[in-house]
Amino acid sequence: MAIYNNIFTVFSSFTTLDWLIYAALAILLAVQIRSILRVKSLSAYRLRVRLGLTILLWVVLLLFIIQPQWKFSGNTNRVLLISENIPAETIQKAKDSLKITESFTINDFNRRASEDPGFVSRLGSIYLLGQDFTAWTLSQLSQKKLHWLPSFKPDELQEIRWKAIVRKGEFQEVIGKVQLTEPKVLRVKYGSQVVDSFSLSKGFQTFQLRFPAFAVGRTETSLELENQEVQKVKFYSRKSQISSVYFILENPDFESKTLAELLGKNGNRVEILTTVAKNTQSKVSINRFDKSKTFTPDIIITEPSNVAHPLVKKAVSDGKSVLFFSVTSPEQSLKNINATLGTKWRVKKISNAESLPVGNGVTALPFQLEENINQNRVTGLPVAVQKVGGRVGVSLLNETFSLKLSGDSLAYGKIWSTILQQLNPPLEGNIEAEAPLWKDTKSKLVLNKFSQNINELSIANDTAQLHTSGLNSLTATADYIFRKSGWQPFQDSLEVYVEEESSPLSKAKQIKETLIAHAQVESLPSNVSEQMLTVQLPDWVWFALLLVCLTGLWIEPKLKY
């Protein structure tokens, strides 16, 4: 009865042109059968076979046009909606673990939703398997309770993020997740040079790679998994914020000279005060443009012997930063620093060796700085910073300038960028934008600590309204959807890179946004958990049937029987 009603519906929708086309096909069938019957050389058996194959082909064509359907009662309290290219074993595993009996492909779901306006309302909880869901499909589920089951290929990135805009010298961080079939090494490369790497074990792994932004302007690096590129990491580097750094030294040495040159090269104002003889001091300035004004340092770098220097004590009381380096006797030096500046450094000896390797040929004293409540350790280095009004840092590193002399400027810069990030004054005019930014996907932009209030944001030859935070008047946010890919202008002199929305990662982000939006809307209860579902043969079955019939008609004349 269902098939009869389906046939009646199909034929009732035919236009005059449709009837003319099908009448012509019927005439073609009659001509084809007549031509077979006129072949006198065919035996009765062979004639029946050829007529049977011909009629079977036309029956299949007729049924394909009609698209017969049948109904059955299904439990739709929990439904699995399957995206494209999901392996059958993954589908079955999801159905078994969630105890779901009914599942629909995207095409099947879209067909049912189009034919029956009440179909979606009669579904219960929806489990989305995979990432390839169209915006139309997701829009049909706006009032349903959704659960997402990601399905990525092995060794395929499942999540990744980095900063779209950084300052020169600031650390770029690439963070993500991946499922590996075997242990592999993940690398970030700038051209042919590896700027950071991370060894990953088999299975589900998270990773974090860090490297300093080493140029101003557009920067493009490559994330590679065992020499296979998995993601381009593109970002824009702003000019670094200029700081004033004051060196107070007993004796000039290569360590302080090399560091001062690095700071000056990055645009910082540097002044070096050196005691060359009793009551005689020497001053050297780098990038100090107006010498008539008093030099007010943001950071003082000195040896522990100068802990009682008036400029050091004043810097700490004024909330500035002080770094003690070239430490030779940690226990006694830290005791003097504690007594003078009110810090609470504790140190213990961890080896009888003269020095311990840190990496890249750099060594440190065989001591360890013990943990403290107001103390932050610099990641990967025997350096820490305590907050006591100002910030007081202590480095147990031995000489690092040998890295620069050997030509490894990148490693040298990475060490000191990591240390100075903990000591630099709070940045002005911060811009936060999490990359990758995807075309036609909402992105959040955050501006913080600008010298003047900004109401509008100039971006991608467009403007976006900024909304000031109710908790912090210096913070403003904007939500923006980029309509073009590639490098897009941002404010007056910056840029951001916008990716095409074709990758699994972009589709995964769209689903996450959909889930967040759905979480803010109360789901409507489903009317029933049991409903009558219609089923029809998928396209691949029709293709297989037509291929079999045509193959039979092609082979039959060549057979001898």
Protein backbone atom coordinates (compact mmCIF):
# COMPACT_ATOMS: atom_id res chain seq x y z
CA MET A 1 0.00 0.00 0.00
CA ALA A 2 2.87 2.39 0.88
CA ILE A 3 4.56 1.71 -2.46
CA TYR A 4 1.24 2.23 -4.27
CA ASN A 5 0.76 5.62 -2.57
CA ASN A 6 4.37 6.51 -3.44
CA ILE A 7 3.75 5.64 -7.11
CA PHE A 8 0.56 7.72 -7.15
CA THR A 9 2.40 10.70 -5.57
CA VAL A 10 5.22 10.52 -8.11
CA PHE A 11 2.94 10.30 -11.15
CA SER A 12 0.62 13.04 -9.88
CA SER A 13 3.57 15.45 -9.72
CA PHE A 14 4.56 14.95 -13.39
CA THR A 15 4.45 17.98 -15.67
CA THR A 16 3.51 17.86 -19.38
CA LEU A 17 7.20 17.76 -20.29
CA ASP A 18 7.71 14.84 -17.90
CA TRP A 19 4.91 12.89 -19.57
CA LEU A 20 6.37 13.55 -23.03
CA ILE A 21 9.82 12.34 -21.88
CA TYR A 22 8.47 9.17 -20.32
CA ALA A 23 6.23 8.50 -23.33
CA ALA A 24 9.33 8.73 -25.53
CA LEU A 25 11.14 6.28 -23.22
CA ALA A 26 8.18 3.88 -23.41
CA ILE A 27 8.33 4.06 -27.23
CA LEU A 28 12.09 3.40 -27.01
CA LEU A 29 11.40 0.30 -24.89
CA ALA A 30 8.85 -0.95 -27.43
CA VAL A 31 11.29 -0.37 -30.29
CA GLN A 32 14.05 -2.18 -28.38
CA ILE A 33 11.83 -5.21 -27.66
CA ARG A 34 10.60 -5.28 -31.28
CA SER A 35 14.21 -5.21 -32.57
CA ILE A 36 15.10 -8.16 -30.30
CA LEU A 37 12.07 -10.15 -31.50
CA ARG A 38 13.03 -9.55 -35.15
CA VAL A 39 16.41 -11.26 -34.74
CA LYS A 40 15.72 -14.69 -36.39
CA SER A 41 19.05 -16.26 -35.42
CA LEU A 42 18.29 -16.25 -31.70
CA SER A 43 17.22 -19.51 -30.08
CA ALA A 44 14.10 -19.48 -27.95
CA TYR A 45 16.17 -19.76 -24.74
CA ARG A 46 18.54 -16.94 -25.75
CA LEU A 47 15.60 -14.77 -26.78
CA ARG A 48 14.01 -15.20 -23.34
CA VAL A 49 17.31 -14.32 -21.60
CA ARG A 50 17.82 -11.15 -23.65
CA LEU A 51 14.20 -10.06 -23.26
CA GLY A 52 14.43 -10.75 -19.53
CA LEU A 53 17.58 -8.66 -19.10
CA THR A 54 16.06 -5.80 -21.11
CA ILE A 55 12.81 -5.82 -19.17
CA LEU A 56 14.76 -6.06 -15.86
CA LEU A 57 16.78 -2.97 -16.82
CA TRP A 58 13.64 -0.98 -17.54
CA VAL A 59 11.95 -2.17 -14.35
CA VAL A 60 14.97 -0.98 -12.36
CA LEU A 61 14.83 2.37 -14.20
CA LEU A 62 11.11 2.69 -13.41
CA LEU A 63 11.64 1.89 -9.73
CA PHE A 64 14.54 4.36 -9.60
CA ILE A 65 12.18 7.07 -10.85
CA ILE A 66 9.46 6.06 -8.39
CA GLN A 67 11.88 5.63 -5.45
CA PRO A 68 9.72 3.11 -3.55
CA GLN A 69 9.54 3.50 0.22
CA TRP A 70 8.32 1.41 3.12
CA LYS A 71 7.57 2.23 6.73
CA PHE A 72 8.56 0.76 10.07
CA SER A 73 8.30 1.75 13.71
CA GLY A 74 11.59 3.07 15.14
CA ASN A 75 12.81 4.21 18.56
CA THR A 76 13.91 7.83 18.01
CA ASN A 77 14.44 8.76 21.64
CA ARG A 78 18.20 8.78 20.91
CA VAL A 79 19.38 9.22 17.33
CA LEU A 80 22.81 9.06 15.71
CA LEU A 81 23.34 11.55 12.87
CA ILE A 82 26.31 10.48 10.74
CA SER A 83 28.47 12.83 8.68
CA GLU A 84 30.23 11.84 5.48
CA ASN A 85 33.15 9.40 5.19
CA ILE A 86 32.75 7.77 8.60
CA PRO A 87 33.99 4.11 8.67
CA ALA A 88 31.30 1.49 9.29
CA GLU A 89 33.14 0.12 12.32
CA THR A 90 33.21 3.59 13.91
CA ILE A 91 29.46 3.94 13.36
CA GLN A 92 28.74 0.53 14.87
CA LYS A 93 31.00 1.20 17.85
CA ALA A 94 29.18 4.47 18.56
CA LYS A 95 25.77 2.80 18.30
CA ASP A 96 26.79 -0.05 20.58
CA SER A 97 28.39 2.12 23.25
CA LEU A 98 25.44 4.56 23.34
CA LYS A 99 22.79 1.84 22.84
CA ILE A 100 21.30 3.69 19.85
CA THR A 101 19.11 1.79 17.39
CA GLU A 102 18.29 4.51 14.85
CA SER A 103 20.88 6.35 12.76
CA PHE A 104 20.66 8.62 9.73
CA THR A 105 23.18 9.83 7.19
CA ILE A 106 23.19 13.55 6.39
CA ASN A 107 21.41 13.04 3.06
CA ASP A 108 18.80 10.76 4.62
CA PHE A 109 18.17 13.20 7.47
CA ASN A 110 17.88 16.19 5.11
CA ARG A 111 15.40 14.28 2.91
CA ARG A 112 13.21 13.32 5.85
CA ALA A 113 13.30 16.85 7.31
CA SER A 114 12.28 18.32 3.93
CA GLU A 115 9.45 15.82 3.32
CA ASP A 116 8.04 15.81 6.86
CA PRO A 117 8.07 19.16 8.76
CA GLY A 118 7.27 17.35 12.02
CA PHE A 119 10.05 14.76 11.70
CA VAL A 120 12.70 16.67 13.68
CA SER A 121 10.30 17.59 16.49
CA ARG A 122 9.62 13.90 17.10
CA LEU A 123 13.31 13.12 17.68
CA GLY A 124 14.90 12.98 21.11
CA SER A 125 18.59 13.57 21.85
CA ILE A 126 20.77 13.94 18.75
CA TYR A 127 24.30 12.55 18.67
CA LEU A 128 26.43 14.07 15.90
CA LEU A 129 29.13 11.68 14.66
CA GLY A 130 31.87 13.42 12.67
CA GLN A 131 32.34 16.99 11.48
CA ASP A 132 30.86 17.29 7.95
CA PHE A 133 27.48 18.81 8.80
CA THR A 134 26.02 21.58 6.65
CA ALA A 135 24.68 24.81 8.11
CA TRP A 136 21.19 23.82 6.91
CA THR A 137 21.35 20.51 8.76
CA LEU A 138 22.47 22.17 11.99
CA SER A 139 19.78 24.83 11.65
CA GLN A 140 17.12 22.09 11.68
CA LEU A 141 18.38 21.04 15.13
CA SER A 142 18.15 24.48 16.75
CA GLN A 143 15.73 23.27 19.46
CA LYS A 144 17.21 19.83 20.06
CA LYS A 145 19.61 18.55 22.68
CA LEU A 146 22.90 17.87 20.87
CA HIS A 147 25.95 15.76 21.70
CA TRP A 148 29.06 15.77 19.52
CA LEU A 149 31.21 12.70 18.83
CA PRO A 150 34.29 13.90 16.88
CA SER A 151 35.71 11.48 14.33
CA PHE A 152 39.16 12.33 12.98
CA LYS A 153 41.51 10.21 10.91
CA PRO A 154 44.64 8.78 12.58
CA ASP A 155 47.55 11.26 12.71
CA GLU A 156 45.15 14.10 11.85
CA LEU A 157 45.10 17.25 13.98
CA GLN A 158 42.02 17.30 16.18
CA GLU A 159 42.59 20.74 17.65
CA ILE A 160 45.10 23.55 17.19
CA ARG A 161 45.42 27.17 18.22
CA TRP A 162 48.00 29.96 18.26
CA LYS A 163 48.10 33.75 18.55
CA ALA A 164 47.05 35.62 15.41
CA ILE A 165 49.01 38.73 16.48
CA VAL A 166 52.16 38.82 18.64
CA ARG A 167 54.94 41.26 19.37
CA LYS A 168 58.49 40.77 18.16
CA GLY A 169 60.39 38.88 20.87
CA GLU A 170 57.15 37.58 22.41
CA PHE A 171 56.62 33.84 22.49
CA GLN A 172 54.29 32.29 19.97
CA GLU A 173 52.61 29.18 21.38
CA VAL A 174 51.16 26.45 19.18
CA ILE A 175 48.85 24.20 21.21
CA GLY A 176 46.83 21.23 19.97
CA LYS A 177 45.70 17.62 20.12
CA VAL A 178 46.36 14.62 17.86
CA GLN A 179 45.73 10.85 17.83
CA LEU A 180 48.86 8.94 16.77
CA THR A 181 49.22 5.38 15.53
CA GLU A 182 52.89 5.32 16.58
CA PRO A 183 55.43 7.59 18.33
CA LYS A 184 56.33 10.60 16.20
CA VAL A 185 58.11 13.96 16.42
CA LEU A 186 56.25 17.22 15.88
CA ARG A 187 58.29 20.19 14.66
CA VAL A 188 57.75 23.86 13.90
CA LYS A 189 59.98 25.03 11.06
CA TYR A 190 60.75 28.49 9.79
CA GLY A 191 62.02 27.82 6.31
CA SER A 192 64.48 24.97 6.81
CA GLN A 193 65.28 25.80 10.46
CA VAL A 194 63.55 23.94 13.31
CA VAL A 195 62.45 26.50 15.91
CA ASP A 196 60.91 23.98 18.34
CA SER A 197 60.06 20.29 18.47
CA PHE A 198 58.08 17.89 20.66
CA SER A 199 58.27 14.08 20.89
CA LEU A 200 54.83 12.45 21.02
CA SER A 201 53.94 8.94 22.16
CA LYS A 202 51.40 6.61 20.55
CA GLY A 203 47.75 7.36 21.27
CA PHE A 204 45.87 10.55 22.08
CA GLN A 205 48.37 13.34 22.78
CA THR A 206 48.34 17.05 23.57
CA PHE A 207 51.25 19.26 22.58
CA GLN A 208 52.61 22.75 23.15
CA LEU A 209 55.37 24.30 21.05
CA ARG A 210 56.96 27.69 21.85
CA PHE A 211 59.25 29.96 19.90
CA PRO A 212 59.94 33.71 19.89
CA ALA A 213 58.60 35.92 17.13
CA PHE A 214 61.80 36.93 15.39
CA ALA A 215 60.63 39.47 12.79
CA VAL A 216 58.12 42.28 12.28
CA GLY A 217 55.30 41.74 9.78
CA ARG A 218 53.82 38.63 8.19
CA THR A 219 55.35 35.43 9.51
CA GLU A 220 54.76 31.94 8.14
CA THR A 221 55.97 28.76 9.82
CA SER A 222 55.18 25.12 9.15
CA LEU A 223 53.97 22.51 11.63
CA GLU A 224 55.31 19.12 10.55
CA LEU A 225 54.61 15.63 11.88
CA GLU A 226 57.55 13.38 10.96
CA ASN A 227 58.51 15.71 8.07
CA GLN A 228 54.90 15.77 6.79
CA GLU A 229 53.31 19.22 6.91
CA VAL A 230 50.02 19.17 8.81
CA GLN A 231 49.37 22.91 9.25
CA LYS A 232 50.69 26.28 8.15
CA VAL A 233 51.07 28.55 11.18
CA LYS A 234 50.68 32.13 9.92
CA PHE A 235 50.64 35.16 12.21
CA TYR A 236 51.53 38.84 12.27
CA SER A 237 54.34 40.24 14.43
CA ARG A 238 54.03 43.76 15.79
CA LYS A 239 56.91 45.93 16.86
CA SER A 240 58.01 45.03 20.37
CA GLN A 241 57.14 47.35 23.23
CA ILE A 242 60.20 49.42 24.07
CA SER A 243 61.57 48.99 27.58
CA SER A 244 64.35 50.82 29.41
CA VAL A 245 67.00 48.43 30.73
CA TYR A 246 69.78 49.47 33.09
CA PHE A 247 72.91 47.34 33.60
CA ILE A 248 74.85 47.87 36.84
CA LEU A 249 78.13 45.96 36.58
CA GLU A 250 81.29 45.58 38.59
CA ASN A 251 83.28 44.54 35.58
CA PRO A 252 82.36 44.48 31.87
CA ASP A 253 82.15 40.98 30.41
CA PHE A 254 80.96 39.19 27.25
CA GLU A 255 77.75 37.97 28.92
CA SER A 256 76.41 41.45 29.73
CA LYS A 257 77.78 42.98 26.48
CA THR A 258 76.06 40.34 24.32
CA LEU A 259 72.77 40.70 26.19
CA ALA A 260 72.87 44.50 25.95
CA GLU A 261 73.43 44.25 22.20
CA LEU A 262 70.45 41.91 21.85
CA LEU A 263 68.20 44.31 23.79
CA GLY A 264 69.40 47.26 21.76
CA LYS A 265 68.87 45.42 18.49
CA ASN A 266 65.25 44.80 19.51
CA GLY A 267 64.71 48.55 19.95
CA ASN A 268 65.00 48.79 23.74
CA ARG A 269 66.72 51.71 25.45
CA VAL A 270 69.80 50.42 27.26
CA GLU A 271 72.26 52.05 29.62
CA ILE A 272 75.30 50.26 31.06
CA LEU A 273 76.94 51.52 34.25
CA THR A 274 80.33 49.90 34.89
CA THR A 275 82.82 50.48 37.70
CA VAL A 276 86.20 50.68 36.00
CA ALA A 277 88.18 51.86 39.07
CA LYS A 278 87.57 53.06 42.59
CA ASN A 279 85.22 56.07 42.45
CA THR A 280 85.32 55.90 38.66
CA GLN A 281 82.38 54.70 36.58
CA SER A 282 81.71 54.39 32.87
CA LYS A 283 78.35 54.81 31.14
CA VAL A 284 77.42 53.46 27.71
CA SER A 285 74.02 54.15 26.12
CA ILE A 286 72.17 52.29 23.35
CA ASN A 287 69.10 53.79 21.63
CA ARG A 288 68.85 56.62 24.15
CA PHE A 289 67.57 59.48 22.03
CA ASP A 290 67.12 62.30 24.56
CA LYS A 291 70.02 62.31 27.00
CA SER A 292 68.77 65.48 28.68
CA LYS A 293 65.99 63.50 30.36
CA THR A 294 66.56 61.26 33.36
CA PHE A 295 66.88 57.61 32.41
CA THR A 296 64.16 55.74 34.32
CA PRO A 297 64.69 51.98 34.00
CA ASP A 298 61.91 49.41 33.72
CA ILE A 299 64.37 46.57 34.36
CA ILE A 300 67.70 46.54 36.16
CA ILE A 301 70.14 43.71 35.39
CA THR A 302 73.00 43.34 37.82
CA GLU A 303 75.16 40.99 39.90
CA PRO A 304 74.29 39.93 43.48
CA SER A 305 77.13 42.09 44.83
CA ASN A 306 75.11 45.19 43.85
CA VAL A 307 72.01 44.24 45.82
CA ALA A 308 72.43 47.21 48.16
CA HIS A 309 72.88 49.72 45.31
CA PRO A 310 70.43 52.64 45.76
CA LEU A 311 69.06 52.24 42.22
CA VAL A 312 68.32 48.56 42.85
CA LYS A 313 66.46 49.22 46.10
CA LYS A 314 64.53 52.12 44.54
CA ALA A 315 63.52 50.03 41.51
CA VAL A 316 62.00 47.32 43.73
CA SER A 317 60.17 49.84 45.92
CA ASP A 318 58.80 51.57 42.78
CA GLY A 319 57.39 48.31 41.42
CA LYS A 320 60.06 47.84 38.75
CA SER A 321 61.98 44.65 37.95
CA VAL A 322 65.47 43.54 38.94
CA LEU A 323 67.34 40.49 37.60
CA PHE A 324 70.40 39.09 39.35
CA PHE A 325 72.63 37.10 37.02
CA SER A 326 76.26 35.88 37.00
CA VAL A 327 75.64 34.26 40.40
CA THR A 328 78.69 32.40 41.75
CA SER A 329 77.75 31.53 45.37
CA PRO A 330 73.99 30.97 45.37
CA GLU A 331 73.51 30.27 49.08
CA GLN A 332 75.29 33.41 50.31
CA SER A 333 74.05 35.61 47.45
CA LEU A 334 70.40 34.73 47.99
CA LYS A 335 70.76 35.24 51.74
CA ASN A 336 71.97 38.81 51.08
CA ILE A 337 69.17 39.44 48.55
CA ASN A 338 66.56 38.25 51.07
CA ALA A 339 67.96 40.48 53.81
CA THR A 340 68.11 43.57 51.58
CA LEU A 341 64.98 43.32 49.42
CA GLY A 342 62.62 41.25 51.60
CA THR A 343 62.49 38.27 49.23
CA LYS A 344 62.23 34.66 50.39
CA TRP A 345 64.63 32.75 48.18
CA ARG A 346 65.60 29.20 49.18
CA VAL A 347 68.13 27.11 47.33
CA LYS A 348 69.49 23.60 47.65
CA LYS A 349 72.42 21.82 46.09
CA ILE A 350 71.39 18.93 43.82
CA SER A 351 74.75 17.75 42.45
CA ASN A 352 78.45 17.68 43.27
CA ALA A 353 79.35 18.49 39.67
CA GLU A 354 80.66 21.95 38.85
CA SER A 355 77.74 22.59 36.49
CA LEU A 356 74.65 20.91 35.03
CA PRO A 357 73.56 20.91 31.35
CA VAL A 358 70.46 22.90 30.50
CA GLY A 359 70.41 22.33 26.74
CA ASN A 360 72.01 23.68 23.56
CA GLY A 361 75.42 23.58 25.27
CA VAL A 362 74.34 25.96 28.06
CA THR A 363 75.04 25.00 31.69
CA ALA A 364 73.81 26.10 35.11
CA LEU A 365 75.02 25.96 38.70
CA PRO A 366 74.36 22.62 40.46
CA PHE A 367 71.63 24.19 42.62
CA GLN A 368 67.83 24.31 42.52
CA LEU A 369 65.57 27.21 43.49
CA GLU A 370 62.93 25.86 45.86
CA GLU A 371 59.25 26.68 45.35
CA ASN A 372 57.62 29.66 47.04
CA ILE A 373 54.09 31.08 47.10
CA ASN A 374 54.99 34.40 45.41
CA GLN A 375 57.45 32.82 43.02
CA ASN A 376 57.09 32.02 39.31
CA ARG A 377 59.55 29.72 37.65
CA VAL A 378 60.65 30.45 34.09
CA THR A 379 59.69 27.39 32.07
CA GLY A 380 62.58 25.09 31.23
CA LEU A 381 65.29 27.25 32.89
CA PRO A 382 66.86 27.51 36.36
CA VAL A 383 65.44 31.02 36.67
CA ALA A 384 62.59 32.30 38.85
CA VAL A 385 60.90 35.59 39.73
CA GLN A 386 59.42 36.72 43.06
CA LYS A 387 56.92 39.55 43.55
CA VAL A 388 57.80 41.88 46.45
CA GLY A 389 56.47 45.27 45.41
CA GLY A 390 58.56 44.99 42.27
CA ARG A 391 59.68 41.77 40.64
CA VAL A 392 62.99 40.24 41.64
CA GLY A 393 64.48 37.55 39.40
CA VAL A 394 67.41 35.22 39.99
CA SER A 395 69.22 33.27 37.27
CA LEU A 396 71.44 30.29 38.04
CA LEU A 397 72.57 30.05 34.43
CA ASN A 398 76.24 30.16 33.60
CA GLU A 399 77.39 32.09 30.54
CA THR A 400 75.01 32.02 27.56
CA PHE A 401 76.89 34.27 25.11
CA SER A 402 78.69 31.20 23.67
CA LEU A 403 75.43 30.34 21.89
CA LYS A 404 75.53 33.66 20.03
CA LEU A 405 79.20 33.27 19.19
CA SER A 406 78.59 29.78 17.79
CA GLY A 407 75.93 31.17 15.45
CA ASP A 408 72.84 29.86 17.26
CA SER A 409 71.21 33.26 17.67
CA LEU A 410 67.74 31.71 17.70
CA ALA A 411 68.44 29.58 20.80
CA TYR A 412 70.16 32.51 22.51
CA GLY A 413 67.22 34.81 21.80
CA LYS A 414 64.76 32.16 22.96
CA ILE A 415 66.48 31.86 26.37
CA TRP A 416 66.48 35.58 27.06
CA SER A 417 63.01 36.21 25.61
CA THR A 418 61.69 33.60 28.03
CA ILE A 419 63.41 35.26 30.99
CA LEU A 420 62.58 38.86 30.11
CA GLN A 421 58.90 38.09 29.52
CA GLN A 422 58.61 37.55 33.27
CA LEU A 423 60.29 40.92 33.97
CA ASN A 424 58.92 43.26 31.29
CA PRO A 425 56.41 45.92 32.43
CA PRO A 426 52.73 45.31 31.61
CA LEU A 427 52.14 45.69 27.90
CA GLU A 428 50.10 48.59 26.53
CA GLY A 429 47.69 48.23 23.62
CA ASN A 430 47.30 44.44 23.74
CA ILE A 431 45.41 42.67 20.97
CA GLU A 432 44.28 39.08 21.47
CA ALA A 433 42.95 37.01 18.59
CA GLU A 434 43.07 33.23 18.66
CA ALA A 435 44.15 31.65 15.39
CA PRO A 436 43.34 29.95 13.16
CA LEU A 437 40.70 32.47 12.10
CA TRP A 438 38.26 30.83 9.68
CA LYS A 439 36.31 32.39 6.84
CA ASP A 440 32.53 32.60 7.52
CA THR A 441 33.06 31.59 11.15
CA LYS A 442 32.64 33.92 14.11
CA SER A 443 35.91 35.05 15.71
CA LYS A 444 36.39 36.84 19.02
CA LEU A 445 38.84 39.76 19.23
CA VAL A 446 39.98 41.32 22.53
CA LEU A 447 41.66 44.70 23.02
CA ASN A 448 43.21 45.58 26.37
CA LYS A 449 44.97 48.55 27.99
CA PHE A 450 44.82 51.03 25.12
CA SER A 451 45.81 54.60 25.99
CA GLN A 452 42.46 55.90 24.74
CA ASN A 453 38.99 54.40 24.49
CA ILE A 454 38.24 52.80 21.12
CA ASN A 455 34.59 52.32 20.09
CA GLU A 456 35.15 50.83 16.65
CA LEU A 457 37.60 48.34 15.24
CA SER A 458 38.83 48.72 11.66
CA ILE A 459 39.18 45.24 10.20
CA ALA A 460 39.09 43.63 6.73
CA ASN A 461 38.06 46.97 5.12
CA ASP A 462 35.08 46.99 7.46
CA THR A 463 34.28 48.18 10.98
CA ALA A 464 33.21 46.20 14.03
CA GLN A 465 31.65 47.60 17.19
CA LEU A 466 33.62 47.12 20.39
CA HIS A 467 31.87 46.29 23.66
CA THR A 468 33.58 47.41 26.86
CA SER A 469 33.78 44.85 29.64
CA GLY A 470 31.63 45.57 32.68
CA LEU A 471 34.38 44.25 34.94
CA ASN A 472 37.33 46.06 33.34
CA SER A 473 36.89 49.37 31.54
CA LEU A 474 40.27 48.90 29.82
CA THR A 475 39.11 45.71 28.06
CA ALA A 476 36.89 45.66 24.98
CA THR A 477 35.75 42.77 22.78
CA ALA A 478 34.29 42.36 19.31
CA ASP A 479 32.76 39.38 17.48
CA TYR A 480 33.45 39.41 13.76
CA ILE A 481 32.84 37.07 10.82
CA PHE A 482 35.45 37.30 8.06
CA ARG A 483 34.00 36.94 4.56
CA LYS A 484 37.33 36.71 2.73
CA SER A 485 40.35 34.48 3.24
CA GLY A 486 44.03 35.44 3.14
CA TRP A 487 45.78 38.35 4.85
CA GLN A 488 43.24 40.94 6.02
CA PRO A 489 44.01 44.49 7.29
CA PHE A 490 43.55 45.06 11.02
CA GLN A 491 43.42 48.59 12.46
CA ASP A 492 45.87 50.94 10.71
CA SER A 493 49.05 48.93 10.33
CA LEU A 494 48.42 45.33 11.38
CA GLU A 495 47.10 42.24 9.60
CA VAL A 496 45.53 38.90 10.44
CA TYR A 497 45.44 35.74 8.34
CA VAL A 498 42.07 34.13 7.60
CA GLU A 499 41.91 30.45 6.60
CA GLU A 500 39.53 28.83 4.13
CA GLU A 501 36.72 26.89 5.84
CA SER A 502 37.35 23.57 4.08
CA SER A 503 39.38 21.64 6.65
CA PRO A 504 38.05 19.24 9.35
CA LEU A 505 39.33 21.71 11.97
CA SER A 506 37.15 24.54 10.65
CA LYS A 507 34.08 22.30 10.55
CA ALA A 508 34.84 21.11 14.07
CA LYS A 509 34.94 24.73 15.25
CA GLN A 510 31.57 25.44 13.63
CA ILE A 511 30.06 22.48 15.48
CA LYS A 512 31.55 23.69 18.78
CA GLU A 513 29.98 27.12 18.21
CA THR A 514 26.66 25.44 17.44
CA LEU A 515 26.85 23.43 20.67
CA ILE A 516 27.61 26.60 22.65
CA ALA A 517 24.65 28.36 21.06
CA HIS A 518 22.37 25.38 21.72
CA ALA A 519 23.47 25.23 25.35
CA GLN A 520 22.01 28.74 25.80
CA VAL A 521 18.60 27.70 24.41
CA GLU A 522 16.33 25.36 26.34
CA SER A 523 15.68 22.25 24.26
CA LEU A 524 12.08 21.51 23.35
CA PRO A 525 10.83 18.10 24.55
CA SER A 526 10.19 15.56 21.81
CA ASN A 527 6.56 14.62 21.20
CA VAL A 528 7.14 10.85 21.04
CA SER A 529 10.03 8.45 21.34
CA GLU A 530 8.49 6.00 18.82
CA GLN A 531 7.56 7.10 15.31
CA MET A 532 6.94 5.60 11.90
CA LEU A 533 9.98 6.00 9.69
CA THR A 534 10.12 5.71 5.91
CA VAL A 535 13.02 3.91 4.26
CA GLN A 536 14.18 3.97 0.66
CA LEU A 537 17.14 2.44 -1.11
CA PRO A 538 20.29 4.59 -1.11
CA ASP A 539 21.76 5.85 -4.37
CA TRP A 540 24.65 3.38 -4.34
CA VAL A 541 22.20 0.46 -4.43
CA TRP A 542 20.47 1.89 -7.51
CA PHE A 543 23.84 2.44 -9.12
CA ALA A 544 24.83 -1.18 -8.42
CA LEU A 545 21.53 -2.54 -9.84
CA LEU A 546 21.81 -0.47 -13.01
CA LEU A 547 25.45 -1.50 -13.42
CA VAL A 548 24.54 -5.19 -13.07
CA CYS A 549 21.75 -4.92 -15.68
CA LEU A 550 23.89 -3.04 -18.20
CA THR A 551 26.79 -5.44 -17.65
CA GLY A 552 24.46 -8.39 -18.29
CA LEU A 553 23.19 -6.88 -21.54
CA TRP A 554 26.77 -6.22 -22.64
CA ILE A 555 28.09 -9.69 -21.78
CA GLU A 556 25.11 -11.77 -22.97
CA PRO A 557 25.78 -11.45 -26.76
CA LYS A 558 29.38 -12.55 -26.20
CA LEU A 559 28.48 -15.76 -24.37
CA LYS A 560 28.11 -19.05 -26.19
CA TYR A 561 25.27 -21.17 -24.81
